[in-house]
C-alpha atoms as a PDB file:
ATOM      1  CA  UNK A   1     -25.830 110.731  -3.340  1.00  0.00           C
ATOM      2  CA  UNK A   2     -26.009 110.986   0.430  1.00  0.00           C
ATOM      3  CA  UNK A   3     -28.877 109.452   2.359  1.00  0.00           C
ATOM      4  CA  UNK A   4     -30.133 112.926   3.287  1.00  0.00           C
ATOM      5  CA  UNK A   5     -30.144 114.027  -0.355  1.00  0.00           C
ATOM      6  CA  UNK A   6     -31.865 110.792  -1.363  1.00  0.00           C
ATOM      7  CA  UNK A   7     -34.558 111.367   1.286  1.00  0.00           C
ATOM      8  CA  UNK A   8     -35.067 114.923   0.037  1.00  0.00           C
ATOM      9  CA  UNK A   9     -35.441 113.781  -3.576  1.00  0.00           C
ATOM     10  CA  UNK A  10     -37.783 110.985  -2.524  1.00  0.00           C
ATOM     11  CA  UNK A  11     -39.980 113.371  -0.533  1.00  0.00           C
ATOM     12  CA  UNK A  12     -40.088 115.777  -3.501  1.00  0.00           C
ATOM     13  CA  UNK A  13     -41.122 112.940  -5.806  1.00  0.00           C
ATOM     14  CA  UNK A  14     -43.879 111.892  -3.399  1.00  0.00           C
ATOM     15  CA  UNK A  15     -45.103 115.486  -3.117  1.00  0.00           C
ATOM     16  CA  UNK A  16     -45.030 115.835  -6.898  1.00  0.00           C
ATOM     17  CA  UNK A  17     -47.219 112.740  -7.260  1.00  0.00           C
ATOM     18  CA  UNK A  18     -49.657 114.084  -4.667  1.00  0.00           C
ATOM     19  CA  UNK A  19     -49.881 117.451  -6.426  1.00  0.00           C
ATOM     20  CA  UNK A  20     -50.405 115.823  -9.816  1.00  0.00           C
ATOM     21  CA  UNK A  21     -53.223 113.694  -8.370  1.00  0.00           C
ATOM     22  CA  UNK A  22     -54.862 116.736  -6.803  1.00  0.00           C
ATOM     23  CA  UNK A  23     -54.497 118.632 -10.105  1.00  0.00           C
ATOM     24  CA  UNK A  24     -56.162 115.776 -11.983  1.00  0.00           C
ATOM     25  CA  UNK A  25     -58.954 115.567  -9.405  1.00  0.00           C
ATOM     26  CA  UNK A  26     -59.574 119.311  -9.704  1.00  0.00           C
ATOM     27  CA  UNK A  27     -59.695 118.976 -13.474  1.00  0.00           C
ATOM     28  CA  UNK A  28     -62.385 116.300 -13.104  1.00  0.00           C
ATOM     29  CA  UNK A  29     -64.342 118.419 -10.608  1.00  0.00           C
ATOM     30  CA  UNK A  30     -64.175 121.452 -12.906  1.00  0.00           C
ATOM     31  CA  UNK A  31     -65.452 119.381 -15.830  1.00  0.00           C
ATOM     32  CA  UNK A  32     -68.359 118.039 -13.789  1.00  0.00           C
ATOM     33  CA  UNK A  33     -69.225 121.515 -12.519  1.00  0.00           C
ATOM     34  CA  UNK A  34     -69.165 122.963 -16.028  1.00  0.00           C
ATOM     35  CA  UNK A  35     -71.498 120.195 -17.196  1.00  0.00           C
ATOM     36  CA  UNK A  36     -73.878 120.806 -14.307  1.00  0.00           C
ATOM     37  CA  UNK A  37     -77.138 122.620 -15.085  1.00  0.00           C
ATOM     38  CA  UNK A  38     -76.637 124.705 -11.939  1.00  0.00           C
ATOM     39  CA  UNK A  39     -73.083 125.853 -12.586  1.00  0.00           C
ATOM     40  CA  UNK A  40     -71.620 127.807  -9.659  1.00  0.00           C
ATOM     41  CA  UNK A  41     -69.398 130.510 -11.200  1.00  0.00           C
ATOM     42  CA  UNK A  42     -67.702 131.472  -7.929  1.00  0.00           C
ATOM     43  CA  UNK A  43     -66.836 127.872  -7.100  1.00  0.00           C
ATOM     44  CA  UNK A  44     -65.657 127.306 -10.660  1.00  0.00           C
ATOM     45  CA  UNK A  45     -63.315 130.310 -10.475  1.00  0.00           C
ATOM     46  CA  UNK A  46     -61.928 129.143  -7.136  1.00  0.00           C
ATOM     47  CA  UNK A  47     -61.277 125.644  -8.444  1.00  0.00           C
ATOM     48  CA  UNK A  48     -59.554 126.998 -11.552  1.00  0.00           C
ATOM     49  CA  UNK A  49     -57.404 129.311  -9.422  1.00  0.00           C
ATOM     50  CA  UNK A  50     -56.427 126.390  -7.179  1.00  0.00           C
ATOM     51  CA  UNK A  51     -55.640 124.256 -10.228  1.00  0.00           C
ATOM     52  CA  UNK A  52     -53.374 126.985 -11.619  1.00  0.00           C
ATOM     53  CA  UNK A  53     -51.556 127.312  -8.289  1.00  0.00           C
ATOM     54  CA  UNK A  54     -51.015 123.545  -8.249  1.00  0.00           C
ATOM     55  CA  UNK A  55     -49.634 123.696 -11.785  1.00  0.00           C
ATOM     56  CA  UNK A  56     -47.115 126.327 -10.676  1.00  0.00           C
ATOM     57  CA  UNK A  57     -46.060 124.269  -7.643  1.00  0.00           C
ATOM     58  CA  UNK A  58     -45.688 121.177  -9.828  1.00  0.00           C
ATOM     59  CA  UNK A  59     -43.420 123.123 -12.193  1.00  0.00           C
ATOM     60  CA  UNK A  60     -41.239 124.329  -9.292  1.00  0.00           C
ATOM     61  CA  UNK A  61     -40.763 120.815  -7.941  1.00  0.00           C
ATOM     62  CA  UNK A  62     -40.021 119.466 -11.429  1.00  0.00           C
ATOM     63  CA  UNK A  63     -37.284 122.088 -11.835  1.00  0.00           C
ATOM     64  CA  UNK A  64     -35.880 121.167  -8.423  1.00  0.00           C
ATOM     65  CA  UNK A  65     -35.738 117.495  -9.397  1.00  0.00           C
ATOM     66  CA  UNK A  66     -34.249 118.124 -12.826  1.00  0.00           C
ATOM     67  CA  UNK A  67     -32.677 121.614 -12.941  1.00  0.00           C
ATOM     68  CA  UNK A  68     -30.920 120.906 -16.255  1.00  0.00           C
ATOM     69  CA  UNK A  69     -34.155 120.258 -18.135  1.00  0.00           C
ATOM     70  CA  UNK A  70     -35.250 123.153 -20.279  1.00  0.00           C
ATOM     71  CA  UNK A  71     -38.574 124.572 -19.125  1.00  0.00           C
END
């Protein structure tokens, strides 16, 4: 593997970790909001939409890192 390819894979792995952390944090925020007595439906929908978008981006990067893995 060339150094350029290694750097690309490394940056994808770092980005994947960041996205997974953000996804987990959103999951925690959604849980807290749902448990709140003053639940904000609009905010909840926005957080869930963001979480879904992150999930899609995570899946794309995973396929880029391991294209032979069955999805």
